[in-house]
Amino acid sequence: MEWRYLAVALIAAFLIVLLLRDRLSPGESSFVREQELIVNALVVPSRNMDNGVALVIEEKVDRERLERLAGMGYEELKSQIGVGKDFALYFTDDDGQLIEFDGQRTCIGSPKAVVGGSRCS
């Protein structure tokens, strides 16, 4: 699969974020802020807006960055993105099927999260 399709799927899915600790009660604005932080950190419209952790640049997934971020420890990844809540990122194709990004994993994020029957890490 070409990575530009992955980028489109990623953007279309709006980097579906699972916040495990926030239940959208009075902290709903906290949920929205955290979601915006994640999207703004990982998706940038041009190289000159790159923040060093963006995965999608100019609507294309940067495979090297994806591999680098996937190799980080979860706490380091949270710090790089600038969020405090737990999250998980996963990728789908145009048909909604999960995409394995490194040949085996379907998600990056909290080890508490399970996506497609597999625990994220």
N, C-alpha and C. Protein backbone atom coordinates (compact mmCIF):
# COMPACT_ATOMS: atom_id res chain seq x y z
N MET A 1 0.84 -1.17 0.00
CA MET A 1 0.00 0.00 0.00
C MET A 1 0.89 1.24 0.00
N GLU A 2 0.52 2.20 -0.78
CA GLU A 2 1.31 3.42 -0.84
C GLU A 2 1.03 4.26 0.41
N TRP A 3 2.09 4.91 0.88
CA TRP A 3 2.00 5.67 2.12
C TRP A 3 1.11 6.89 1.99
N ARG A 4 0.92 7.42 0.78
CA ARG A 4 0.03 8.58 0.66
C ARG A 4 -1.41 8.20 0.98
N TYR A 5 -1.79 6.95 0.65
CA TYR A 5 -3.12 6.48 1.01
C TYR A 5 -3.26 6.33 2.51
N LEU A 6 -2.19 5.90 3.14
CA LEU A 6 -2.18 5.81 4.59
C LEU A 6 -2.36 7.20 5.20
N ALA A 7 -1.70 8.19 4.61
CA ALA A 7 -1.83 9.56 5.12
C ALA A 7 -3.26 10.04 4.99
N VAL A 8 -3.87 9.76 3.85
CA VAL A 8 -5.26 10.18 3.65
C VAL A 8 -6.16 9.48 4.67
N ALA A 9 -5.94 8.19 4.86
CA ALA A 9 -6.74 7.45 5.84
C ALA A 9 -6.51 8.01 7.24
N LEU A 10 -5.25 8.35 7.53
CA LEU A 10 -4.91 8.89 8.84
C LEU A 10 -5.62 10.22 9.06
N ILE A 11 -5.57 11.08 8.07
CA ILE A 11 -6.23 12.38 8.20
C ILE A 11 -7.74 12.19 8.25
N ALA A 12 -8.27 11.34 7.39
CA ALA A 12 -9.71 11.09 7.36
C ALA A 12 -10.19 10.54 8.69
N ALA A 13 -9.39 9.72 9.31
CA ALA A 13 -9.77 9.16 10.61
C ALA A 13 -9.53 10.14 11.74
N PHE A 14 -8.90 11.30 11.41
CA PHE A 14 -8.60 12.37 12.35
C PHE A 14 -7.81 11.86 13.53
N LEU A 15 -6.88 10.93 13.18
CA LEU A 15 -6.01 10.35 14.21
C LEU A 15 -6.83 9.92 15.43
N ILE A 16 -7.72 9.00 15.19
CA ILE A 16 -8.65 8.62 16.26
C ILE A 16 -7.88 8.40 17.55
N VAL A 17 -8.25 9.18 18.50
CA VAL A 17 -7.53 9.21 19.76
C VAL A 17 -8.39 8.59 20.85
N LEU A 18 -7.81 7.65 21.56
CA LEU A 18 -8.50 7.04 22.69
C LEU A 18 -7.93 7.63 23.96
N LEU A 19 -8.72 8.40 24.63
CA LEU A 19 -8.28 8.92 25.93
C LEU A 19 -8.84 8.00 27.00
N LEU A 20 -7.96 7.30 27.62
CA LEU A 20 -8.38 6.25 28.53
C LEU A 20 -8.81 6.75 29.91
N ARG A 21 -8.31 7.90 30.30
CA ARG A 21 -8.62 8.37 31.66
C ARG A 21 -9.71 9.42 31.71
N ASP A 22 -10.05 9.99 30.61
CA ASP A 22 -11.02 11.07 30.59
C ASP A 22 -12.34 10.54 30.05
N ARG A 23 -13.40 10.69 30.78
CA ARG A 23 -14.69 10.11 30.40
C ARG A 23 -15.66 11.12 29.80
N LEU A 24 -15.18 12.25 29.32
CA LEU A 24 -16.00 13.29 28.70
C LEU A 24 -17.08 13.81 29.63
N SER A 25 -16.79 13.91 30.88
CA SER A 25 -17.71 14.52 31.83
C SER A 25 -17.40 16.01 31.90
N PRO A 26 -17.24 16.58 33.08
CA PRO A 26 -16.91 17.99 33.13
C PRO A 26 -15.59 18.33 32.44
N GLY A 27 -14.73 17.34 32.24
CA GLY A 27 -13.44 17.57 31.61
C GLY A 27 -13.48 17.47 30.09
N GLU A 28 -14.66 17.63 29.48
CA GLU A 28 -14.77 17.51 28.04
C GLU A 28 -13.82 18.46 27.32
N SER A 29 -13.68 19.67 27.84
CA SER A 29 -12.76 20.61 27.19
C SER A 29 -11.32 20.11 27.30
N SER A 30 -11.00 19.40 28.36
CA SER A 30 -9.68 18.81 28.51
C SER A 30 -9.45 17.75 27.44
N PHE A 31 -10.47 16.96 27.17
CA PHE A 31 -10.41 15.95 26.11
C PHE A 31 -10.14 16.61 24.77
N VAL A 32 -10.87 17.66 24.47
CA VAL A 32 -10.72 18.37 23.19
C VAL A 32 -9.33 18.98 23.08
N ARG A 33 -8.84 19.59 24.15
CA ARG A 33 -7.48 20.18 24.14
C ARG A 33 -6.42 19.12 23.88
N GLU A 34 -6.52 18.00 24.56
CA GLU A 34 -5.55 16.92 24.37
C GLU A 34 -5.61 16.39 22.94
N GLN A 35 -6.80 16.22 22.42
CA GLN A 35 -6.96 15.73 21.05
C GLN A 35 -6.34 16.72 20.07
N GLU A 36 -6.58 18.00 20.27
CA GLU A 36 -6.00 19.02 19.39
C GLU A 36 -4.48 19.03 19.48
N LEU A 37 -3.94 18.87 20.68
CA LEU A 37 -2.48 18.81 20.85
C LEU A 37 -1.89 17.67 20.03
N ILE A 38 -2.53 16.52 20.10
CA ILE A 38 -2.02 15.35 19.39
C ILE A 38 -2.09 15.57 17.88
N VAL A 39 -3.22 16.01 17.40
CA VAL A 39 -3.38 16.23 15.95
C VAL A 39 -2.41 17.30 15.48
N ASN A 40 -2.32 18.41 16.19
CA ASN A 40 -1.43 19.49 15.77
C ASN A 40 0.04 19.10 15.81
N ALA A 41 0.39 18.19 16.71
CA ALA A 41 1.78 17.74 16.79
C ALA A 41 2.11 16.75 15.68
N LEU A 42 1.15 15.91 15.32
CA LEU A 42 1.44 14.82 14.39
C LEU A 42 1.10 15.10 12.93
N VAL A 43 0.29 16.11 12.67
CA VAL A 43 -0.10 16.43 11.30
C VAL A 43 0.21 17.90 11.02
N VAL A 44 1.10 18.15 10.06
CA VAL A 44 1.43 19.52 9.68
C VAL A 44 1.28 19.68 8.17
N PRO A 45 0.82 20.86 7.73
CA PRO A 45 0.56 21.05 6.31
C PRO A 45 1.80 21.23 5.44
N SER A 46 2.93 21.62 6.04
CA SER A 46 4.13 21.84 5.23
C SER A 46 5.38 21.59 6.06
N ARG A 47 6.48 21.35 5.37
CA ARG A 47 7.76 21.08 6.05
C ARG A 47 8.21 22.25 6.92
N ASN A 48 7.92 23.48 6.50
CA ASN A 48 8.37 24.63 7.31
C ASN A 48 7.59 24.76 8.61
N MET A 49 6.54 23.98 8.80
CA MET A 49 5.78 23.98 10.06
C MET A 49 6.13 22.76 10.90
N ASP A 50 7.12 22.00 10.47
CA ASP A 50 7.50 20.77 11.14
C ASP A 50 7.99 21.05 12.55
N ASN A 51 7.53 20.25 13.49
CA ASN A 51 7.88 20.40 14.90
C ASN A 51 8.82 19.31 15.40
N GLY A 52 9.24 18.44 14.51
CA GLY A 52 10.15 17.36 14.89
C GLY A 52 9.46 16.05 15.22
N VAL A 53 8.17 16.06 15.52
CA VAL A 53 7.46 14.82 15.81
C VAL A 53 6.33 14.54 14.83
N ALA A 54 6.11 15.41 13.87
CA ALA A 54 5.02 15.22 12.92
C ALA A 54 5.20 13.92 12.15
N LEU A 55 4.10 13.18 12.00
CA LEU A 55 4.10 11.95 11.21
C LEU A 55 3.57 12.19 9.81
N VAL A 56 2.65 13.14 9.70
CA VAL A 56 2.05 13.46 8.41
C VAL A 56 2.49 14.86 8.05
N ILE A 57 3.24 14.96 6.94
CA ILE A 57 3.73 16.24 6.45
C ILE A 57 3.29 16.36 5.00
N GLU A 58 2.62 17.46 4.69
CA GLU A 58 2.11 17.68 3.34
C GLU A 58 1.25 16.49 2.89
N GLU A 59 0.39 16.01 3.78
CA GLU A 59 -0.57 14.93 3.53
C GLU A 59 0.07 13.58 3.21
N LYS A 60 1.32 13.38 3.63
CA LYS A 60 2.00 12.10 3.41
C LYS A 60 2.62 11.64 4.73
N VAL A 61 2.48 10.35 5.00
CA VAL A 61 3.10 9.79 6.20
C VAL A 61 4.60 9.67 5.96
N ASP A 62 5.36 10.17 6.91
CA ASP A 62 6.81 10.05 6.87
C ASP A 62 7.16 8.73 7.57
N ARG A 63 7.51 7.74 6.80
CA ARG A 63 7.72 6.39 7.33
C ARG A 63 8.86 6.35 8.35
N GLU A 64 9.93 7.08 8.09
CA GLU A 64 11.06 7.09 9.04
C GLU A 64 10.63 7.64 10.39
N ARG A 65 9.84 8.70 10.37
CA ARG A 65 9.35 9.27 11.64
C ARG A 65 8.40 8.33 12.34
N LEU A 66 7.55 7.67 11.58
CA LEU A 66 6.64 6.70 12.17
C LEU A 66 7.43 5.62 12.89
N GLU A 67 8.45 5.10 12.23
CA GLU A 67 9.28 4.07 12.85
C GLU A 67 10.00 4.60 14.08
N ARG A 68 10.49 5.84 14.01
CA ARG A 68 11.19 6.43 15.16
C ARG A 68 10.24 6.60 16.34
N LEU A 69 9.05 7.16 16.09
CA LEU A 69 8.09 7.35 17.18
C LEU A 69 7.60 6.02 17.73
N ALA A 70 7.43 5.04 16.84
CA ALA A 70 6.98 3.72 17.30
C ALA A 70 8.04 3.06 18.18
N GLY A 71 9.30 3.41 17.97
CA GLY A 71 10.38 2.85 18.77
C GLY A 71 10.60 3.54 20.10
N MET A 72 9.95 4.68 20.32
CA MET A 72 10.10 5.41 21.59
C MET A 72 9.32 4.71 22.69
N GLY A 73 9.75 4.92 23.90
CA GLY A 73 8.96 4.50 25.05
C GLY A 73 7.70 5.36 25.11
N TYR A 74 6.65 4.83 25.70
CA TYR A 74 5.37 5.53 25.73
C TYR A 74 5.47 6.88 26.45
N GLU A 75 6.12 6.92 27.60
CA GLU A 75 6.23 8.18 28.34
C GLU A 75 7.01 9.22 27.55
N GLU A 76 8.06 8.80 26.86
CA GLU A 76 8.83 9.72 26.02
C GLU A 76 7.96 10.25 24.87
N LEU A 77 7.17 9.37 24.27
CA LEU A 77 6.27 9.77 23.19
C LEU A 77 5.26 10.81 23.68
N LYS A 78 4.66 10.55 24.85
CA LYS A 78 3.72 11.52 25.43
C LYS A 78 4.39 12.87 25.63
N SER A 79 5.61 12.85 26.13
CA SER A 79 6.36 14.08 26.37
C SER A 79 6.65 14.81 25.06
N GLN A 80 7.08 14.08 24.05
CA GLN A 80 7.39 14.69 22.75
C GLN A 80 6.16 15.35 22.13
N ILE A 81 5.01 14.70 22.28
CA ILE A 81 3.77 15.24 21.72
C ILE A 81 3.25 16.37 22.60
N GLY A 82 3.50 16.29 23.89
CA GLY A 82 3.07 17.34 24.80
C GLY A 82 1.73 17.10 25.44
N VAL A 83 1.37 15.84 25.66
CA VAL A 83 0.09 15.52 26.28
C VAL A 83 0.31 14.82 27.62
N GLY A 84 -0.71 14.88 28.46
CA GLY A 84 -0.63 14.24 29.76
C GLY A 84 -1.54 13.03 29.88
N LYS A 85 -2.57 12.97 29.06
CA LYS A 85 -3.53 11.87 29.12
C LYS A 85 -3.02 10.69 28.30
N ASP A 86 -3.57 9.51 28.57
CA ASP A 86 -3.23 8.33 27.79
C ASP A 86 -3.91 8.40 26.43
N PHE A 87 -3.27 7.81 25.44
CA PHE A 87 -3.83 7.82 24.09
C PHE A 87 -3.30 6.62 23.31
N ALA A 88 -3.92 6.37 22.18
CA ALA A 88 -3.46 5.37 21.23
C ALA A 88 -3.73 5.89 19.83
N LEU A 89 -2.80 5.64 18.93
CA LEU A 89 -2.96 6.03 17.53
C LEU A 89 -2.97 4.77 16.70
N TYR A 90 -3.89 4.71 15.75
CA TYR A 90 -3.87 3.59 14.83
C TYR A 90 -4.25 4.09 13.45
N PHE A 91 -3.97 3.27 12.46
CA PHE A 91 -4.15 3.65 11.08
C PHE A 91 -5.11 2.68 10.40
N THR A 92 -5.97 3.23 9.55
CA THR A 92 -6.89 2.39 8.79
C THR A 92 -6.77 2.73 7.31
N ASP A 93 -7.15 1.77 6.47
CA ASP A 93 -7.17 2.03 5.04
C ASP A 93 -8.54 2.60 4.67
N ASP A 94 -8.77 2.77 3.39
CA ASP A 94 -10.03 3.35 2.92
C ASP A 94 -11.24 2.51 3.27
N ASP A 95 -11.02 1.22 3.53
CA ASP A 95 -12.12 0.31 3.88
C ASP A 95 -12.29 0.17 5.38
N GLY A 96 -11.52 0.93 6.16
CA GLY A 96 -11.62 0.86 7.61
C GLY A 96 -10.84 -0.27 8.24
N GLN A 97 -10.03 -0.97 7.46
CA GLN A 97 -9.23 -2.07 7.98
C GLN A 97 -7.97 -1.53 8.64
N LEU A 98 -7.60 -2.11 9.77
CA LEU A 98 -6.38 -1.70 10.46
C LEU A 98 -5.16 -1.99 9.58
N ILE A 99 -4.20 -1.09 9.64
CA ILE A 99 -2.96 -1.25 8.88
C ILE A 99 -1.83 -1.54 9.86
N GLU A 100 -1.10 -2.61 9.59
CA GLU A 100 0.11 -2.90 10.37
C GLU A 100 1.21 -2.00 9.82
N PHE A 101 1.78 -1.17 10.68
CA PHE A 101 2.75 -0.20 10.19
C PHE A 101 4.18 -0.68 10.28
N ASP A 102 4.45 -1.71 11.05
CA ASP A 102 5.82 -2.22 11.11
C ASP A 102 5.85 -3.73 10.90
N GLY A 103 4.84 -4.23 10.24
CA GLY A 103 4.76 -5.65 9.97
C GLY A 103 4.05 -6.46 11.02
N GLN A 104 3.78 -5.84 12.18
CA GLN A 104 3.09 -6.59 13.23
C GLN A 104 2.19 -5.73 14.10
N ARG A 105 2.57 -4.50 14.37
CA ARG A 105 1.77 -3.66 15.27
C ARG A 105 0.74 -2.85 14.50
N THR A 106 -0.42 -2.63 15.14
CA THR A 106 -1.47 -1.83 14.54
C THR A 106 -1.69 -0.52 15.28
N CYS A 107 -0.98 -0.32 16.38
CA CYS A 107 -1.18 0.93 17.12
C CYS A 107 0.08 1.32 17.89
N ILE A 108 0.13 2.61 18.20
CA ILE A 108 1.19 3.18 19.03
C ILE A 108 0.47 3.87 20.17
N GLY A 109 0.97 3.72 21.37
CA GLY A 109 0.37 4.46 22.47
C GLY A 109 0.38 3.69 23.77
N SER A 110 -0.63 3.97 24.56
CA SER A 110 -0.70 3.42 25.90
C SER A 110 -0.72 1.89 25.87
N PRO A 111 0.10 1.27 26.70
CA PRO A 111 0.07 -0.18 26.79
C PRO A 111 -1.25 -0.70 27.37
N LYS A 112 -2.09 0.21 27.91
CA LYS A 112 -3.41 -0.17 28.41
C LYS A 112 -4.42 -0.33 27.28
N ALA A 113 -4.14 0.31 26.13
CA ALA A 113 -5.09 0.31 25.02
C ALA A 113 -4.97 -0.98 24.20
N VAL A 114 -6.13 -1.44 23.74
CA VAL A 114 -6.18 -2.61 22.86
C VAL A 114 -6.89 -2.19 21.58
N VAL A 115 -6.24 -2.40 20.44
CA VAL A 115 -6.81 -2.05 19.15
C VAL A 115 -6.72 -3.28 18.26
N GLY A 116 -7.86 -3.70 17.73
CA GLY A 116 -7.88 -4.87 16.87
C GLY A 116 -7.43 -6.13 17.56
N GLY A 117 -7.64 -6.21 18.86
CA GLY A 117 -7.26 -7.39 19.63
C GLY A 117 -5.81 -7.41 20.09
N SER A 118 -5.05 -6.37 19.74
CA SER A 118 -3.64 -6.29 20.13
C SER A 118 -3.41 -5.11 21.05
N ARG A 119 -2.59 -5.34 22.05
CA ARG A 119 -2.23 -4.27 22.97
C ARG A 119 -1.24 -3.33 22.31
N CYS A 120 -1.44 -2.02 22.50
CA CYS A 120 -0.51 -1.03 21.95
C CYS A 120 0.75 -0.98 22.81
N SER A 121 1.80 -0.48 22.21
CA SER A 121 3.04 -0.30 22.98
C SER A 121 3.89 0.75 22.31
